[in-house]
Amino acid sequence: MIHHLLLGTSVLLAVLSFFSLYKAYDGPTAADRVVAINMIATKVTVLIVIFAMMTGQDGFIDVALAYSMMGFVATVCVAKYIEKGTLS
């Protein structure tokens, strides 16, 4: 039963990622695009954790944490670049 629930959740998140991808492509401002890319990174992190739960391999949790940290750092860097025009 839990396997079907996790599979349904992962399909729903994958479909919702395409809406975020469209917003990243069509966003009127750079800030909208950054938020959309951050949403995609969060959904991919959750999908990796769901995959780890479905397969029972705990190593994917470390991959999800690393991916989440990279997404956060990238978002902060892009936000700083948008605000100041430079990363230094």
PDB file of N, CA and C in Angstrom:
ATOM      1  N   MET A   1       0.818  -1.190   0.000  1.00  0.00           N
ATOM      2  CA  MET A   1       0.000   0.000   0.000  1.00  0.00           C
ATOM      3  C   MET A   1       0.869   1.265   0.000  1.00  0.00           C
ATOM      4  N   ILE A   2       1.888   1.303   0.861  1.00  0.00           N
ATOM      5  CA  ILE A   2       2.744   2.496   0.937  1.00  0.00           C
ATOM      6  C   ILE A   2       3.523   2.674  -0.363  1.00  0.00           C
ATOM      7  N   HIS A   3       3.835   1.559  -1.027  1.00  0.00           N
ATOM      8  CA  HIS A   3       4.557   1.642  -2.297  1.00  0.00           C
ATOM      9  C   HIS A   3       3.718   2.388  -3.336  1.00  0.00           C
ATOM     10  N   HIS A   4       2.429   2.118  -3.388  1.00  0.00           N
ATOM     11  CA  HIS A   4       1.548   2.795  -4.344  1.00  0.00           C
ATOM     12  C   HIS A   4       1.400   4.274  -4.011  1.00  0.00           C
ATOM     13  N   LEU A   5       1.353   4.580  -2.723  1.00  0.00           N
ATOM     14  CA  LEU A   5       1.248   5.976  -2.302  1.00  0.00           C
ATOM     15  C   LEU A   5       2.507   6.754  -2.679  1.00  0.00           C
ATOM     16  N   LEU A   6       3.678   6.153  -2.451  1.00  0.00           N
ATOM     17  CA  LEU A   6       4.928   6.822  -2.822  1.00  0.00           C
ATOM     18  C   LEU A   6       5.055   6.977  -4.329  1.00  0.00           C
ATOM     19  N   LEU A   7       4.615   5.986  -5.064  1.00  0.00           N
ATOM     20  CA  LEU A   7       4.658   6.070  -6.526  1.00  0.00           C
ATOM     21  C   LEU A   7       3.724   7.170  -7.040  1.00  0.00           C
ATOM     22  N   GLY A   8       2.530   7.259  -6.477  1.00  0.00           N
ATOM     23  CA  GLY A   8       1.597   8.320  -6.866  1.00  0.00           C
ATOM     24  C   GLY A   8       2.117   9.699  -6.530  1.00  0.00           C
ATOM     25  N   THR A   9       2.742   9.818  -5.373  1.00  0.00           N
ATOM     26  CA  THR A   9       3.318  11.096  -4.970  1.00  0.00           C
ATOM     27  C   THR A   9       4.449  11.508  -5.901  1.00  0.00           C
ATOM     28  N   SER A  10       5.281  10.543  -6.287  1.00  0.00           N
ATOM     29  CA  SER A  10       6.395  10.880  -7.175  1.00  0.00           C
ATOM     30  C   SER A  10       5.900  11.276  -8.568  1.00  0.00           C
ATOM     31  N   VAL A  11       4.856  10.637  -9.048  1.00  0.00           N
ATOM     32  CA  VAL A  11       4.295  11.022 -10.349  1.00  0.00           C
ATOM     33  C   VAL A  11       3.705  12.429 -10.274  1.00  0.00           C
ATOM     34  N   LEU A  12       3.012  12.729  -9.185  1.00  0.00           N
ATOM     35  CA  LEU A  12       2.436  14.062  -9.008  1.00  0.00           C
ATOM     36  C   LEU A  12       3.529  15.133  -8.945  1.00  0.00           C
ATOM     37  N   LEU A  13       4.598  14.858  -8.217  1.00  0.00           N
ATOM     38  CA  LEU A  13       5.691  15.818  -8.141  1.00  0.00           C
ATOM     39  C   LEU A  13       6.378  16.006  -9.489  1.00  0.00           C
ATOM     40  N   ALA A  14       6.500  14.939 -10.252  1.00  0.00           N
ATOM     41  CA  ALA A  14       7.115  15.053 -11.573  1.00  0.00           C
ATOM     42  C   ALA A  14       6.252  15.917 -12.493  1.00  0.00           C
ATOM     43  N   VAL A  15       4.951  15.738 -12.429  1.00  0.00           N
ATOM     44  CA  VAL A  15       4.054  16.558 -13.255  1.00  0.00           C
ATOM     45  C   VAL A  15       4.109  18.018 -12.818  1.00  0.00           C
ATOM     46  N   LEU A  16       4.131  18.270 -11.521  1.00  0.00           N
ATOM     47  CA  LEU A  16       4.201  19.641 -11.025  1.00  0.00           C
ATOM     48  C   LEU A  16       5.531  20.301 -11.367  1.00  0.00           C
ATOM     49  N   SER A  17       6.570  19.509 -11.536  1.00  0.00           N
ATOM     50  CA  SER A  17       7.863  20.072 -11.925  1.00  0.00           C
ATOM     51  C   SER A  17       7.804  20.683 -13.315  1.00  0.00           C
ATOM     52  N   PHE A  18       6.964  20.122 -14.190  1.00  0.00           N
ATOM     53  CA  PHE A  18       6.840  20.696 -15.519  1.00  0.00           C
ATOM     54  C   PHE A  18       6.178  22.071 -15.482  1.00  0.00           C
ATOM     55  N   PHE A  19       5.264  22.293 -14.541  1.00  0.00           N
ATOM     56  CA  PHE A  19       4.685  23.627 -14.389  1.00  0.00           C
ATOM     57  C   PHE A  19       5.741  24.622 -13.917  1.00  0.00           C
ATOM     58  N   SER A  20       6.593  24.167 -13.009  1.00  0.00           N
ATOM     59  CA  SER A  20       7.684  25.036 -12.551  1.00  0.00           C
ATOM     60  C   SER A  20       8.673  25.305 -13.676  1.00  0.00           C
ATOM     61  N   LEU A  21       8.910  24.312 -14.501  1.00  0.00           N
ATOM     62  CA  LEU A  21       9.810  24.484 -15.642  1.00  0.00           C
ATOM     63  C   LEU A  21       9.250  25.514 -16.620  1.00  0.00           C
ATOM     64  N   TYR A  22       7.955  25.487 -16.831  1.00  0.00           N
ATOM     65  CA  TYR A  22       7.329  26.481 -17.698  1.00  0.00           C
ATOM     66  C   TYR A  22       7.478  27.882 -17.104  1.00  0.00           C
ATOM     67  N   LYS A  23       7.310  27.992 -15.781  1.00  0.00           N
ATOM     68  CA  LYS A  23       7.462  29.301 -15.136  1.00  0.00           C
ATOM     69  C   LYS A  23       8.909  29.783 -15.223  1.00  0.00           C
ATOM     70  N   ALA A  24       9.854  28.861 -15.156  1.00  0.00           N
ATOM     71  CA  ALA A  24      11.264  29.242 -15.293  1.00  0.00           C
ATOM     72  C   ALA A  24      11.551  29.731 -16.709  1.00  0.00           C
ATOM     73  N   TYR A  25      10.885  29.174 -17.685  1.00  0.00           N
ATOM     74  CA  TYR A  25      11.068  29.589 -19.072  1.00  0.00           C
ATOM     75  C   TYR A  25      10.345  30.902 -19.366  1.00  0.00           C
ATOM     76  N   ASP A  26       9.150  31.054 -18.836  1.00  0.00           N
ATOM     77  CA  ASP A  26       8.278  32.159 -19.204  1.00  0.00           C
ATOM     78  C   ASP A  26       8.259  33.291 -18.172  1.00  0.00           C
ATOM     79  N   GLY A  27       8.948  33.121 -17.046  1.00  0.00           N
ATOM     80  CA  GLY A  27       8.878  34.115 -15.979  1.00  0.00           C
ATOM     81  C   GLY A  27       9.208  35.511 -16.454  1.00  0.00           C
ATOM     82  N   PRO A  28       8.407  36.494 -16.081  1.00  0.00           N
ATOM     83  CA  PRO A  28       8.661  37.845 -16.580  1.00  0.00           C
ATOM     84  C   PRO A  28       9.916  38.482 -15.993  1.00  0.00           C
ATOM     85  N   THR A  29      10.315  38.085 -14.789  1.00  0.00           N
ATOM     86  CA  THR A  29      11.502  38.666 -14.181  1.00  0.00           C
ATOM     87  C   THR A  29      12.498  37.570 -13.823  1.00  0.00           C
ATOM     88  N   ALA A  30      13.710  37.990 -13.552  1.00  0.00           N
ATOM     89  CA  ALA A  30      14.744  37.028 -13.171  1.00  0.00           C
ATOM     90  C   ALA A  30      14.433  36.405 -11.808  1.00  0.00           C
ATOM     91  N   ALA A  31      13.816  37.164 -10.927  1.00  0.00           N
ATOM     92  CA  ALA A  31      13.465  36.623  -9.611  1.00  0.00           C
ATOM     93  C   ALA A  31      12.446  35.495  -9.727  1.00  0.00           C
ATOM     94  N   ASP A  32      11.492  35.629 -10.640  1.00  0.00           N
ATOM     95  CA  ASP A  32      10.525  34.559 -10.874  1.00  0.00           C
ATOM     96  C   ASP A  32      11.218  33.293 -11.369  1.00  0.00           C
ATOM     97  N   ARG A  33      12.193  33.470 -12.222  1.00  0.00           N
ATOM     98  CA  ARG A  33      12.929  32.317 -12.744  1.00  0.00           C
ATOM     99  C   ARG A  33      13.735  31.635 -11.646  1.00  0.00           C
ATOM    100  N   VAL A  34      14.337  32.420 -10.763  1.00  0.00           N
ATOM    101  CA  VAL A  34      15.125  31.853  -9.665  1.00  0.00           C
ATOM    102  C   VAL A  34      14.229  31.060  -8.721  1.00  0.00           C
ATOM    103  N   VAL A  35      13.069  31.593  -8.402  1.00  0.00           N
ATOM    104  CA  VAL A  35      12.137  30.882  -7.525  1.00  0.00           C
ATOM    105  C   VAL A  35      11.665  29.583  -8.185  1.00  0.00           C
ATOM    106  N   ALA A  36      11.401  29.618  -9.478  1.00  0.00           N
ATOM    107  CA  ALA A  36      10.954  28.413 -10.178  1.00  0.00           C
ATOM    108  C   ALA A  36      12.050  27.345 -10.196  1.00  0.00           C
ATOM    109  N   ILE A  37      13.284  27.738 -10.420  1.00  0.00           N
ATOM    110  CA  ILE A  37      14.384  26.774 -10.412  1.00  0.00           C
ATOM    111  C   ILE A  37      14.591  26.215  -9.007  1.00  0.00           C
ATOM    112  N   ASN A  38      14.419  27.050  -7.987  1.00  0.00           N
ATOM    113  CA  ASN A  38      14.518  26.567  -6.616  1.00  0.00           C
ATOM    114  C   ASN A  38      13.405  25.565  -6.303  1.00  0.00           C
ATOM    115  N   MET A  39      12.209  25.815  -6.813  1.00  0.00           N
ATOM    116  CA  MET A  39      11.110  24.867  -6.620  1.00  0.00           C
ATOM    117  C   MET A  39      11.413  23.540  -7.288  1.00  0.00           C
ATOM    118  N   ILE A  40      11.987  23.579  -8.473  1.00  0.00           N
ATOM    119  CA  ILE A  40      12.348  22.341  -9.167  1.00  0.00           C
ATOM    120  C   ILE A  40      13.400  21.577  -8.378  1.00  0.00           C
ATOM    121  N   ALA A  41      14.388  22.281  -7.843  1.00  0.00           N
ATOM    122  CA  ALA A  41      15.429  21.614  -7.055  1.00  0.00           C
ATOM    123  C   ALA A  41      14.841  20.971  -5.799  1.00  0.00           C
ATOM    124  N   THR A  42      13.886  21.635  -5.173  1.00  0.00           N
ATOM    125  CA  THR A  42      13.243  21.066  -3.993  1.00  0.00           C
ATOM    126  C   THR A  42      12.447  19.818  -4.346  1.00  0.00           C
ATOM    127  N   LYS A  43      11.727  19.867  -5.449  1.00  0.00           N
ATOM    128  CA  LYS A  43      10.939  18.704  -5.860  1.00  0.00           C
ATOM    129  C   LYS A  43      11.830  17.531  -6.245  1.00  0.00           C
ATOM    130  N   VAL A  44      12.952  17.806  -6.892  1.00  0.00           N
ATOM    131  CA  VAL A  44      13.887  16.741  -7.233  1.00  0.00           C
ATOM    132  C   VAL A  44      14.481  16.134  -5.971  1.00  0.00           C
ATOM    133  N   THR A  45      14.761  16.949  -4.971  1.00  0.00           N
ATOM    134  CA  THR A  45      15.265  16.437  -3.697  1.00  0.00           C
ATOM    135  C   THR A  45      14.254  15.493  -3.058  1.00  0.00           C
ATOM    136  N   VAL A  46      12.991  15.879  -3.059  1.00  0.00           N
ATOM    137  CA  VAL A  46      11.949  15.022  -2.499  1.00  0.00           C
ATOM    138  C   VAL A  46      11.814  13.744  -3.314  1.00  0.00           C
ATOM    139  N   LEU A  47      11.932  13.833  -4.630  1.00  0.00           N
ATOM    140  CA  LEU A  47      11.868  12.628  -5.466  1.00  0.00           C
ATOM    141  C   LEU A  47      13.019  11.674  -5.169  1.00  0.00           C
ATOM    142  N   ILE A  48      14.194  12.206  -4.906  1.00  0.00           N
ATOM    143  CA  ILE A  48      15.330  11.358  -4.559  1.00  0.00           C
ATOM    144  C   ILE A  48      15.077  10.652  -3.227  1.00  0.00           C
ATOM    145  N   VAL A  49      14.509  11.365  -2.258  1.00  0.00           N
ATOM    146  CA  VAL A  49      14.198  10.750  -0.965  1.00  0.00           C
ATOM    147  C   VAL A  49      13.120   9.679  -1.115  1.00  0.00           C
ATOM    148  N   ILE A  50      12.111   9.935  -1.933  1.00  0.00           N
ATOM    149  CA  ILE A  50      11.070   8.934  -2.174  1.00  0.00           C
ATOM    150  C   ILE A  50      11.673   7.699  -2.837  1.00  0.00           C
ATOM    151  N   PHE A  51      12.573   7.908  -3.780  1.00  0.00           N
ATOM    152  CA  PHE A  51      13.241   6.778  -4.429  1.00  0.00           C
ATOM    153  C   PHE A  51      14.060   5.978  -3.414  1.00  0.00           C
ATOM    154  N   ALA A  52      14.703   6.684  -2.492  1.00  0.00           N
ATOM    155  CA  ALA A  52      15.472   5.995  -1.445  1.00  0.00           C
ATOM    156  C   ALA A  52      14.554   5.169  -0.553  1.00  0.00           C
ATOM    157  N   MET A  53      13.384   5.696  -0.249  1.00  0.00           N
ATOM    158  CA  MET A  53      12.437   4.947   0.582  1.00  0.00           C
ATOM    159  C   MET A  53      11.889   3.736  -0.159  1.00  0.00           C
ATOM    160  N   MET A  54      11.641   3.879  -1.463  1.00  0.00           N
ATOM    161  CA  MET A  54      11.082   2.772  -2.231  1.00  0.00           C
ATOM    162  C   MET A  54      12.095   1.647  -2.425  1.00  0.00           C
ATOM    163  N   THR A  55      13.358   1.986  -2.597  1.00  0.00           N
ATOM    164  CA  THR A  55      14.374   0.966  -2.841  1.00  0.00           C
ATOM    165  C   THR A  55      15.056   0.488  -1.571  1.00  0.00           C
ATOM    166  N   GLY A  56      14.929   1.238  -0.487  1.00  0.00           N
ATOM    167  CA  GLY A  56      15.554   0.850   0.763  1.00  0.00           C
ATOM    168  C   GLY A  56      17.051   1.112   0.813  1.00  0.00           C
ATOM    169  N   GLN A  57      17.538   1.967  -0.065  1.00  0.00           N
ATOM    170  CA  GLN A  57      18.962   2.293  -0.087  1.00  0.00           C
ATOM    171  C   GLN A  57      19.157   3.662   0.566  1.00  0.00           C
ATOM    172  N   ASP A  58      19.818   3.637   1.713  1.00  0.00           N
ATOM    173  CA  ASP A  58      19.984   4.866   2.489  1.00  0.00           C
ATOM    174  C   ASP A  58      21.021   5.809   1.893  1.00  0.00           C
ATOM    175  N   GLY A  59      21.831   5.344   0.972  1.00  0.00           N
ATOM    176  CA  GLY A  59      22.847   6.197   0.361  1.00  0.00           C
ATOM    177  C   GLY A  59      22.259   7.335  -0.438  1.00  0.00           C
ATOM    178  N   PHE A  60      21.045   7.152  -0.926  1.00  0.00           N
ATOM    179  CA  PHE A  60      20.409   8.215  -1.701  1.00  0.00           C
ATOM    180  C   PHE A  60      20.009   9.405  -0.835  1.00  0.00           C
ATOM    181  N   ILE A  61      19.860   9.187   0.463  1.00  0.00           N
ATOM    182  CA  ILE A  61      19.546  10.304   1.364  1.00  0.00           C
ATOM    183  C   ILE A  61      20.708  11.293   1.380  1.00  0.00           C
ATOM    184  N   ASP A  62      21.943  10.769   1.383  1.00  0.00           N
ATOM    185  CA  ASP A  62      23.115  11.649   1.323  1.00  0.00           C
ATOM    186  C   ASP A  62      23.155  12.423   0.012  1.00  0.00           C
ATOM    187  N   VAL A  63      22.790  11.765  -1.076  1.00  0.00           N
ATOM    188  CA  VAL A  63      22.738  12.433  -2.377  1.00  0.00           C
ATOM    189  C   VAL A  63      21.694  13.546  -2.347  1.00  0.00           C
ATOM    190  N   ALA A  64      20.544  13.289  -1.736  1.00  0.00           N
ATOM    191  CA  ALA A  64      19.488  14.301  -1.649  1.00  0.00           C
ATOM    192  C   ALA A  64      19.945  15.495  -0.817  1.00  0.00           C
ATOM    193  N   LEU A  65      20.647  15.235   0.272  1.00  0.00           N
ATOM    194  CA  LEU A  65      21.150  16.340   1.098  1.00  0.00           C
ATOM    195  C   LEU A  65      22.167  17.185   0.334  1.00  0.00           C
ATOM    196  N   ALA A  66      23.066  16.532  -0.372  1.00  0.00           N
ATOM    197  CA  ALA A  66      24.062  17.273  -1.151  1.00  0.00           C
ATOM    198  C   ALA A  66      23.387  18.083  -2.256  1.00  0.00           C
ATOM    199  N   TYR A  67      22.407  17.493  -2.929  1.00  0.00           N
ATOM    200  CA  TYR A  67      21.684  18.196  -3.989  1.00  0.00           C
ATOM    201  C   TYR A  67      20.925  19.395  -3.430  1.00  0.00           C
ATOM    202  N   SER A  68      20.351  19.221  -2.248  1.00  0.00           N
ATOM    203  CA  SER A  68      19.618  20.309  -1.616  1.00  0.00           C
ATOM    204  C   SER A  68      20.548  21.457  -1.249  1.00  0.00           C
ATOM    205  N   MET A  69      21.718  21.138  -0.717  1.00  0.00           N
ATOM    206  CA  MET A  69      22.673  22.199  -0.369  1.00  0.00           C
ATOM    207  C   MET A  69      23.173  22.925  -1.609  1.00  0.00           C
ATOM    208  N   MET A  70      23.417  22.200  -2.699  1.00  0.00           N
ATOM    209  CA  MET A  70      23.856  22.849  -3.937  1.00  0.00           C
ATOM    210  C   MET A  70      22.776  23.768  -4.488  1.00  0.00           C
ATOM    211  N   GLY A  71      21.516  23.333  -4.403  1.00  0.00           N
ATOM    212  CA  GLY A  71      20.418  24.181  -4.849  1.00  0.00           C
ATOM    213  C   GLY A  71      20.287  25.441  -4.035  1.00  0.00           C
ATOM    214  N   PHE A  72      20.485  25.336  -2.727  1.00  0.00           N
ATOM    215  CA  PHE A  72      20.408  26.510  -1.860  1.00  0.00           C
ATOM    216  C   PHE A  72      21.536  27.493  -2.167  1.00  0.00           C
ATOM    217  N   VAL A  73      22.752  26.984  -2.291  1.00  0.00           N
ATOM    218  CA  VAL A  73      23.894  27.858  -2.577  1.00  0.00           C
ATOM    219  C   VAL A  73      23.728  28.535  -3.933  1.00  0.00           C
ATOM    220  N   ALA A  74      23.250  27.789  -4.919  1.00  0.00           N
ATOM    221  CA  ALA A  74      23.030  28.374  -6.244  1.00  0.00           C
ATOM    222  C   ALA A  74      21.970  29.472  -6.191  1.00  0.00           C
ATOM    223  N   THR A  75      20.915  29.249  -5.434  1.00  0.00           N
ATOM    224  CA  THR A  75      19.865  30.261  -5.303  1.00  0.00           C
ATOM    225  C   THR A  75      20.391  31.519  -4.636  1.00  0.00           C
ATOM    226  N   VAL A  76      21.183  31.362  -3.600  1.00  0.00           N
ATOM    227  CA  VAL A  76      21.750  32.520  -2.915  1.00  0.00           C
ATOM    228  C   VAL A  76      22.703  33.278  -3.835  1.00  0.00           C
ATOM    229  N   CYS A  77      23.520  32.548  -4.596  1.00  0.00           N
ATOM    230  CA  CYS A  77      24.458  33.208  -5.512  1.00  0.00           C
ATOM    231  C   CYS A  77      23.727  33.976  -6.608  1.00  0.00           C
ATOM    232  N   VAL A  78      22.711  33.387  -7.173  1.00  0.00           N
ATOM    233  CA  VAL A  78      21.967  34.065  -8.234  1.00  0.00           C
ATOM    234  C   VAL A  78      21.224  35.275  -7.666  1.00  0.00           C
ATOM    235  N   ALA A  79      20.662  35.147  -6.478  1.00  0.00           N
ATOM    236  CA  ALA A  79      19.973  36.281  -5.857  1.00  0.00           C
ATOM    237  C   ALA A  79      20.945  37.425  -5.581  1.00  0.00           C
ATOM    238  N   LYS A  80      22.143  37.092  -5.126  1.00  0.00           N
ATOM    239  CA  LYS A  80      23.145  38.135  -4.882  1.00  0.00           C
ATOM    240  C   LYS A  80      23.579  38.784  -6.189  1.00  0.00           C
ATOM    241  N   TYR A  81      23.712  37.985  -7.248  1.00  0.00           N
ATOM    242  CA  TYR A  81      24.093  38.529  -8.547  1.00  0.00           C
ATOM    243  C   TYR A  81      23.001  39.446  -9.094  1.00  0.00           C
ATOM    244  N   ILE A  82      21.758  39.073  -8.909  1.00  0.00           N
ATOM    245  CA  ILE A  82      20.648  39.911  -9.382  1.00  0.00           C
ATOM    246  C   ILE A  82      20.623  41.240  -8.617  1.00  0.00           C
ATOM    247  N   GLU A  83      20.879  41.169  -7.312  1.00  0.00           N
ATOM    248  CA  GLU A  83      20.804  42.373  -6.491  1.00  0.00           C
ATOM    249  C   GLU A  83      21.984  43.311  -6.698  1.00  0.00           C
ATOM    250  N   LYS A  84      23.214  42.764  -6.704  1.00  0.00           N
ATOM    251  CA  LYS A  84      24.406  43.611  -6.738  1.00  0.00           C
ATOM    252  C   LYS A  84      25.106  43.655  -8.091  1.00  0.00           C
ATOM    253  N   GLY A  85      24.851  42.696  -8.946  1.00  0.00           N
ATOM    254  CA  GLY A  85      25.507  42.676 -10.241  1.00  0.00           C
ATOM    255  C   GLY A  85      26.836  41.960 -10.238  1.00  0.00           C
ATOM    256  N   THR A  86      27.292  41.474  -9.098  1.00  0.00           N
ATOM    257  CA  THR A  86      28.556  40.741  -8.990  1.00  0.00           C
ATOM    258  C   THR A  86      28.453  39.759  -7.828  1.00  0.00           C
ATOM    259  N   LEU A  87      29.302  38.743  -7.844  1.00  0.00           N
ATOM    260  CA  LEU A  87      29.284  37.761  -6.773  1.00  0.00           C
ATOM    261  C   LEU A  87      30.287  38.050  -5.671  1.00  0.00           C
ATOM    262  N   SER A  88      31.172  39.001  -5.900  1.00  0.00           N
ATOM    263  CA  SER A  88      32.174  39.283  -4.859  1.00  0.00           C
ATOM    264  C   SER A  88      31.770  40.421  -3.959  1.00  0.00           C
TER     265      SER A  88
END
